[in-house]
Amino acid sequence: MDVLIWTAMGPRGLSQPFIAPSNQAINQHIYLKECVKKRLMPYISAKYTNYVFWPDQASSHYATTVVEHLRKEGIHFVEKVDNPANLPEARPVEDFWAALKGMVYAKGWHAENVQQLVNRIKYCLRNINPKLVQRLGEATKKKIDKIRRNGVVESK
């Protein structure tokens, strides 16, 4: 049993999460309404003046309606052409997801149903160490600079 989770993260914490059943397609309209308008924009407005939003390369994240809205609202974001595919070592959010998954399933916990899983995820998000989120958010620039200097090092 799986769910889809979207949240923005940065040195100043997390946005409100969007959690949907894994069988729900997150198309451009849902992404724009639920993630960008309801969560990303209030998060940025409340916490940042100097930022760059770095979405992953999901097609809904770069749909024309989404990109047009981001530009219209003055949201600074990584353009798709500049967004490297398959570079998880540069994305702090990958480390965040791993930490959250570890919290959710700690001590062999498992959900009996989707609602139980959603409740557990929300609980873990409320209780995640803010210093972890801060550290991961702050690490982004350092990771990008290291990759810029040394290139991508493939692990085997």
C-alpha atoms as a PDB file:
ATOM      1  CA  MET A   1       0.000   0.000   0.000  1.00  0.00           C
ATOM      2  CA  ASP A   2       1.454   3.310  -1.117  1.00  0.00           C
ATOM      3  CA  VAL A   3       0.580   6.977  -1.183  1.00  0.00           C
ATOM      4  CA  LEU A   4       2.025   9.929  -3.058  1.00  0.00           C
ATOM      5  CA  ILE A   5       3.486  12.723  -0.951  1.00  0.00           C
ATOM      6  CA  TRP A   6       4.481  16.192  -2.082  1.00  0.00           C
ATOM      7  CA  THR A   7       6.062  18.796   0.151  1.00  0.00           C
ATOM      8  CA  ALA A   8       8.464  21.666  -0.408  1.00  0.00           C
ATOM      9  CA  MET A   9      11.511  21.800   1.819  1.00  0.00           C
ATOM     10  CA  GLY A  10      14.272  24.244   2.513  1.00  0.00           C
ATOM     11  CA  PRO A  11      16.498  25.545   5.292  1.00  0.00           C
ATOM     12  CA  ARG A  12      13.447  27.066   6.994  1.00  0.00           C
ATOM     13  CA  GLY A  13      11.381  23.903   7.127  1.00  0.00           C
ATOM     14  CA  LEU A  14       8.640  22.129   5.227  1.00  0.00           C
ATOM     15  CA  SER A  15       5.506  23.251   3.463  1.00  0.00           C
ATOM     16  CA  GLN A  16       2.194  21.640   4.254  1.00  0.00           C
ATOM     17  CA  PRO A  17       2.177  18.208   2.607  1.00  0.00           C
ATOM     18  CA  PHE A  18      -0.122  16.991  -0.134  1.00  0.00           C
ATOM     19  CA  ILE A  19      -0.886  13.298   0.289  1.00  0.00           C
ATOM     20  CA  ALA A  20      -2.881  11.354  -2.278  1.00  0.00           C
ATOM     21  CA  PRO A  21      -3.606   7.696  -2.962  1.00  0.00           C
ATOM     22  CA  SER A  22      -0.926   6.197  -5.195  1.00  0.00           C
ATOM     23  CA  ASN A  23      -3.539   5.298  -7.789  1.00  0.00           C
ATOM     24  CA  GLN A  24      -4.446   8.977  -8.248  1.00  0.00           C
ATOM     25  CA  ALA A  25      -2.654  10.513 -11.195  1.00  0.00           C
ATOM     26  CA  ILE A  26      -1.112  13.826 -10.234  1.00  0.00           C
ATOM     27  CA  ASN A  27      -1.723  15.648 -13.485  1.00  0.00           C
ATOM     28  CA  GLN A  28      -0.839  19.274 -14.164  1.00  0.00           C
ATOM     29  CA  HIS A  29      -4.179  20.559 -12.865  1.00  0.00           C
ATOM     30  CA  ILE A  30      -3.959  18.716  -9.538  1.00  0.00           C
ATOM     31  CA  TYR A  31      -0.281  19.645  -9.176  1.00  0.00           C
ATOM     32  CA  LEU A  32      -0.958  23.312  -9.899  1.00  0.00           C
ATOM     33  CA  LYS A  33      -3.949  23.535  -7.547  1.00  0.00           C
ATOM     34  CA  GLU A  34      -2.892  21.283  -4.660  1.00  0.00           C
ATOM     35  CA  CYS A  35       0.885  21.649  -4.653  1.00  0.00           C
ATOM     36  CA  VAL A  36       1.789  24.988  -6.229  1.00  0.00           C
ATOM     37  CA  LYS A  37      -1.124  27.242  -5.302  1.00  0.00           C
ATOM     38  CA  LYS A  38      -2.190  25.759  -1.956  1.00  0.00           C
ATOM     39  CA  ARG A  39       1.212  24.776  -0.582  1.00  0.00           C
ATOM     40  CA  LEU A  40       4.283  26.058  -2.441  1.00  0.00           C
ATOM     41  CA  MET A  41       3.241  29.678  -2.833  1.00  0.00           C
ATOM     42  CA  PRO A  42       2.196  30.201   0.816  1.00  0.00           C
ATOM     43  CA  TYR A  43       5.374  28.409   1.957  1.00  0.00           C
ATOM     44  CA  ILE A  44       7.646  30.619  -0.149  1.00  0.00           C
ATOM     45  CA  SER A  45       5.719  33.763   0.778  1.00  0.00           C
ATOM     46  CA  ALA A  46       5.996  33.029   4.499  1.00  0.00           C
ATOM     47  CA  LYS A  47       9.612  31.905   4.619  1.00  0.00           C
ATOM     48  CA  TYR A  48      11.737  33.163   1.723  1.00  0.00           C
ATOM     49  CA  THR A  49      12.721  36.189  -0.303  1.00  0.00           C
ATOM     50  CA  ASN A  50      15.826  34.690  -1.917  1.00  0.00           C
ATOM     51  CA  TYR A  51      15.155  31.172  -3.190  1.00  0.00           C
ATOM     52  CA  VAL A  52      15.038  28.889  -6.212  1.00  0.00           C
ATOM     53  CA  PHE A  53      12.338  26.219  -6.420  1.00  0.00           C
ATOM     54  CA  TRP A  54      13.796  22.966  -7.733  1.00  0.00           C
ATOM     55  CA  PRO A  55      11.082  20.550  -8.842  1.00  0.00           C
ATOM     56  CA  ASP A  56      11.845  17.046  -9.959  1.00  0.00           C
ATOM     57  CA  GLN A  57      11.262  16.228 -13.601  1.00  0.00           C
ATOM     58  CA  ALA A  58       7.753  14.819 -13.347  1.00  0.00           C
ATOM     59  CA  SER A  59       5.813  15.872 -16.425  1.00  0.00           C
ATOM     60  CA  SER A  60       3.164  17.664 -14.345  1.00  0.00           C
ATOM     61  CA  HIS A  61       5.860  19.849 -12.759  1.00  0.00           C
ATOM     62  CA  TYR A  62       6.839  21.285 -16.132  1.00  0.00           C
ATOM     63  CA  ALA A  63       3.442  21.317 -17.832  1.00  0.00           C
ATOM     64  CA  THR A  64       2.760  24.524 -19.730  1.00  0.00           C
ATOM     65  CA  THR A  65       0.022  25.669 -17.334  1.00  0.00           C
ATOM     66  CA  VAL A  66       2.303  25.127 -14.333  1.00  0.00           C
ATOM     67  CA  VAL A  67       5.323  26.881 -15.865  1.00  0.00           C
ATOM     68  CA  GLU A  68       3.168  29.804 -17.007  1.00  0.00           C
ATOM     69  CA  HIS A  69       1.727  30.150 -13.502  1.00  0.00           C
ATOM     70  CA  LEU A  70       5.164  30.017 -11.851  1.00  0.00           C
ATOM     71  CA  ARG A  71       6.414  32.737 -14.202  1.00  0.00           C
ATOM     72  CA  LYS A  72       3.285  34.872 -13.779  1.00  0.00           C
ATOM     73  CA  GLU A  73       3.635  34.709  -9.990  1.00  0.00           C
ATOM     74  CA  GLY A  74       7.370  35.450 -10.080  1.00  0.00           C
ATOM     75  CA  ILE A  75       8.339  32.075  -8.598  1.00  0.00           C
ATOM     76  CA  HIS A  76      12.027  31.490  -9.310  1.00  0.00           C
ATOM     77  CA  PHE A  77      12.462  27.893 -10.434  1.00  0.00           C
ATOM     78  CA  VAL A  78      14.976  25.649 -12.177  1.00  0.00           C
ATOM     79  CA  GLU A  79      14.020  25.492 -15.839  1.00  0.00           C
ATOM     80  CA  LYS A  80      13.562  21.979 -17.201  1.00  0.00           C
ATOM     81  CA  VAL A  81      16.489  22.374 -19.602  1.00  0.00           C
ATOM     82  CA  ASP A  82      18.721  23.170 -16.593  1.00  0.00           C
ATOM     83  CA  ASN A  83      17.305  20.431 -14.353  1.00  0.00           C
ATOM     84  CA  PRO A  84      19.605  17.409 -14.481  1.00  0.00           C
ATOM     85  CA  ALA A  85      17.928  14.039 -14.747  1.00  0.00           C
ATOM     86  CA  ASN A  86      19.156  11.116 -12.678  1.00  0.00           C
ATOM     87  CA  LEU A  87      21.188  13.184 -10.241  1.00  0.00           C
ATOM     88  CA  PRO A  88      19.802  12.140  -6.842  1.00  0.00           C
ATOM     89  CA  GLU A  89      23.082  12.924  -5.082  1.00  0.00           C
ATOM     90  CA  ALA A  90      22.404  16.618  -5.715  1.00  0.00           C
ATOM     91  CA  ARG A  91      18.847  16.560  -4.404  1.00  0.00           C
ATOM     92  CA  PRO A  92      18.518  16.890  -0.628  1.00  0.00           C
ATOM     93  CA  VAL A  93      14.883  15.898  -0.908  1.00  0.00           C
ATOM     94  CA  GLU A  94      16.013  12.337  -1.716  1.00  0.00           C
ATOM     95  CA  ASP A  95      17.724  12.170   1.699  1.00  0.00           C
ATOM     96  CA  PHE A  96      14.604  13.663   3.269  1.00  0.00           C
ATOM     97  CA  TRP A  97      12.367  10.971   1.752  1.00  0.00           C
ATOM     98  CA  ALA A  98      14.715   8.262   3.017  1.00  0.00           C
ATOM     99  CA  ALA A  99      14.639   9.736   6.544  1.00  0.00           C
ATOM    100  CA  LEU A 100      10.848  10.045   6.487  1.00  0.00           C
ATOM    101  CA  LYS A 101      10.449   6.464   5.264  1.00  0.00           C
ATOM    102  CA  GLY A 102      12.725   5.305   8.086  1.00  0.00           C
ATOM    103  CA  MET A 103      10.543   7.124  10.614  1.00  0.00           C
ATOM    104  CA  VAL A 104       7.283   5.832   9.175  1.00  0.00           C
ATOM    105  CA  TYR A 105       8.383   2.202   9.180  1.00  0.00           C
ATOM    106  CA  ALA A 106      10.525   2.306  12.348  1.00  0.00           C
ATOM    107  CA  LYS A 107      10.465  -0.779  14.537  1.00  0.00           C
ATOM    108  CA  GLY A 108       8.680  -2.814  11.893  1.00  0.00           C
ATOM    109  CA  TRP A 109       5.559  -0.647  11.843  1.00  0.00           C
ATOM    110  CA  HIS A 110       3.096  -1.392   9.042  1.00  0.00           C
ATOM    111  CA  ALA A 111      -0.249   0.047   8.059  1.00  0.00           C
ATOM    112  CA  GLU A 112      -3.459  -1.942   8.019  1.00  0.00           C
ATOM    113  CA  ASN A 113      -5.049   0.515   5.569  1.00  0.00           C
ATOM    114  CA  VAL A 114      -4.319   3.681   3.592  1.00  0.00           C
ATOM    115  CA  GLN A 115      -5.785   6.036   6.204  1.00  0.00           C
ATOM    116  CA  GLN A 116      -3.558   4.547   8.877  1.00  0.00           C
ATOM    117  CA  LEU A 117      -0.538   5.103   6.613  1.00  0.00           C
ATOM    118  CA  VAL A 118      -1.572   8.704   5.911  1.00  0.00           C
ATOM    119  CA  ASN A 119      -2.016   9.377   9.632  1.00  0.00           C
ATOM    120  CA  ARG A 120       1.409   7.899  10.395  1.00  0.00           C
ATOM    121  CA  ILE A 121       3.062   9.993   7.665  1.00  0.00           C
ATOM    122  CA  LYS A 122       1.419  13.173   8.980  1.00  0.00           C
ATOM    123  CA  TYR A 123       2.547  12.302  12.505  1.00  0.00           C
ATOM    124  CA  CYS A 124       6.125  11.726  11.330  1.00  0.00           C
ATOM    125  CA  LEU A 125       6.142  14.956   9.314  1.00  0.00           C
ATOM    126  CA  ARG A 126       5.006  16.901  12.397  1.00  0.00           C
ATOM    127  CA  ASN A 127       7.718  15.268  14.486  1.00  0.00           C
ATOM    128  CA  ILE A 128      10.650  15.170  12.091  1.00  0.00           C
ATOM    129  CA  ASN A 129      13.728  16.862  13.482  1.00  0.00           C
ATOM    130  CA  PRO A 130      13.708  20.458  12.174  1.00  0.00           C
ATOM    131  CA  LYS A 131      17.516  20.478  12.270  1.00  0.00           C
ATOM    132  CA  LEU A 132      17.542  17.603   9.763  1.00  0.00           C
ATOM    133  CA  VAL A 133      15.322  19.538   7.372  1.00  0.00           C
ATOM    134  CA  GLN A 134      17.416  22.679   7.898  1.00  0.00           C
ATOM    135  CA  ARG A 135      20.671  20.801   7.312  1.00  0.00           C
ATOM    136  CA  LEU A 136      19.366  19.127   4.147  1.00  0.00           C
ATOM    137  CA  GLY A 137      18.051  22.429   2.805  1.00  0.00           C
ATOM    138  CA  GLU A 138      21.325  24.201   3.500  1.00  0.00           C
ATOM    139  CA  ALA A 139      23.329  21.369   1.909  1.00  0.00           C
ATOM    140  CA  THR A 140      21.878  21.969  -1.546  1.00  0.00           C
ATOM    141  CA  LYS A 141      24.223  24.779  -2.565  1.00  0.00           C
ATOM    142  CA  LYS A 142      27.252  22.876  -1.256  1.00  0.00           C
ATOM    143  CA  LYS A 143      26.259  19.749  -3.176  1.00  0.00           C
ATOM    144  CA  ILE A 144      25.734  21.686  -6.401  1.00  0.00           C
ATOM    145  CA  ASP A 145      29.062  23.502  -5.995  1.00  0.00           C
ATOM    146  CA  LYS A 146      30.856  20.183  -5.405  1.00  0.00           C
ATOM    147  CA  ILE A 147      29.297  18.652  -8.518  1.00  0.00           C
ATOM    148  CA  ARG A 148      30.152  21.784 -10.493  1.00  0.00           C
ATOM    149  CA  ARG A 149      33.809  21.506  -9.394  1.00  0.00           C
ATOM    150  CA  ASN A 150      34.268  17.730  -9.557  1.00  0.00           C
ATOM    151  CA  GLY A 151      31.589  16.510 -11.935  1.00  0.00           C
ATOM    152  CA  VAL A 152      29.237  13.668 -11.184  1.00  0.00           C
ATOM    153  CA  VAL A 153      30.892  10.704  -9.519  1.00  0.00           C
ATOM    154  CA  GLU A 154      29.111   7.491 -10.414  1.00  0.00           C
ATOM    155  CA  SER A 155      28.827   4.936  -7.642  1.00  0.00           C
ATOM    156  CA  LYS A 156      29.145   1.261  -8.473  1.00  0.00           C
END
